[in-house]
Amino acid sequence: MRKLFKWVGIVLGGLVGLVVLALGGVLLYGEIYYNTLRNNRPLYPIQADVSPEGLERGKYLVENVMACNGACHSPKDGSPLTGTSENLIIGPIKVVFTAPNLTPDMETGLGSWSDAEIARAIREGLDKDGKVLGIMPAFNYHDLSDRDISAVVGYLKSLKPVKNPLPPFSANAFGKAALVLELFLPKSLGDSITASQETPAAGTAEYGEYLAKVGGCRDCHGMDFSGGLPPGGEPGALPAANLTPAGKMTTWTEADFITVMKTGMRPDGTRVSPEMPWLEYGKMREEDLAAIFKFLSSLPPVVSDQS
């Protein structure tokens, strides 16, 4: 019996040792990958569009499609797009989540950044020094066309500079590992952009898909738009709806969809969850909302718990 206990102890000790080694390896990998600079990446040439049309397009994208104002970069009480910071603690994971100041302030904002560096940060998730931008959703913005990213950069550079010092984005070892292993969101770092990207033709399903990606609809509704709890959703949180033709939207008309996005009221008289940022997205042009509806209607039906 003593020999049996001895062997059990050896086996358990070995398993514990392997777990510790594996955990140490994961933490080390996160530390190395997180702190790796990528200065050798090509900087795709982008020039800010500051024409009246460009500024109008950039403002529209930033405020109503990409929702940069309401999502992360605007404090509840303060100037829009001047950045925010929050301490996030999830179990052993600790992160100082900072959404940078996007105004052209020279010290605390984008004033010292080139047009191409701002564009790369948005589409590829790298800052001007070649460091990965934490939880920046570059995976949503990677497909932004050259025309649209030029308009976005032009609009950001046209803002009034506002000084707003913020702590840098940081994470403990567990936080870095979680980010690197994509436990909550897709990896911020996107593929290097080396060729021109075009905007799909307006009014098409392809343009609707483009807007849905740039608008971050996949963050909550899933990569296949079938809904469910978003990554990192807290227990008891309301699940996102199934937007494929297998969901409740299958009975909606284009006019119904636009009304829901504009008013937050479904055709059956029920209200959309307040977690759905329809107030921002509802300011999109009706023809753009119609294109998104066309895209969603073209998806293959995916049966899910939210169907």
Foldseek 3Di string as FASTA:
>chain_A
DVVVVVVVVVVVVVVVVVVVVVVVVLLVVLVVVQPDFDPVFDQADAAADQDPVLLVLLCCLCQFQLNVFPPFQHDPPDDTQQKDWDWDDDPPKTKTDIDFRLALAPPGHCVVPHLSQVLCCQQFQAHPRRGGNQPRQNVLVVQPFSSNSSSNSNNSHPDDDDDDDDDHIDIPSVNSSCQVVVQFHPHRGDDRDDDGHDQPDFLALSNLVNSCSSRVVCQQCNPLSQWAGGGPRDPPDDIGARLACQAPCVPPDLVQQLCCLQPQAHPVGDGHDPVPVSVSNNPRDSSSSSSNNNNRHPGDDDDDPRD
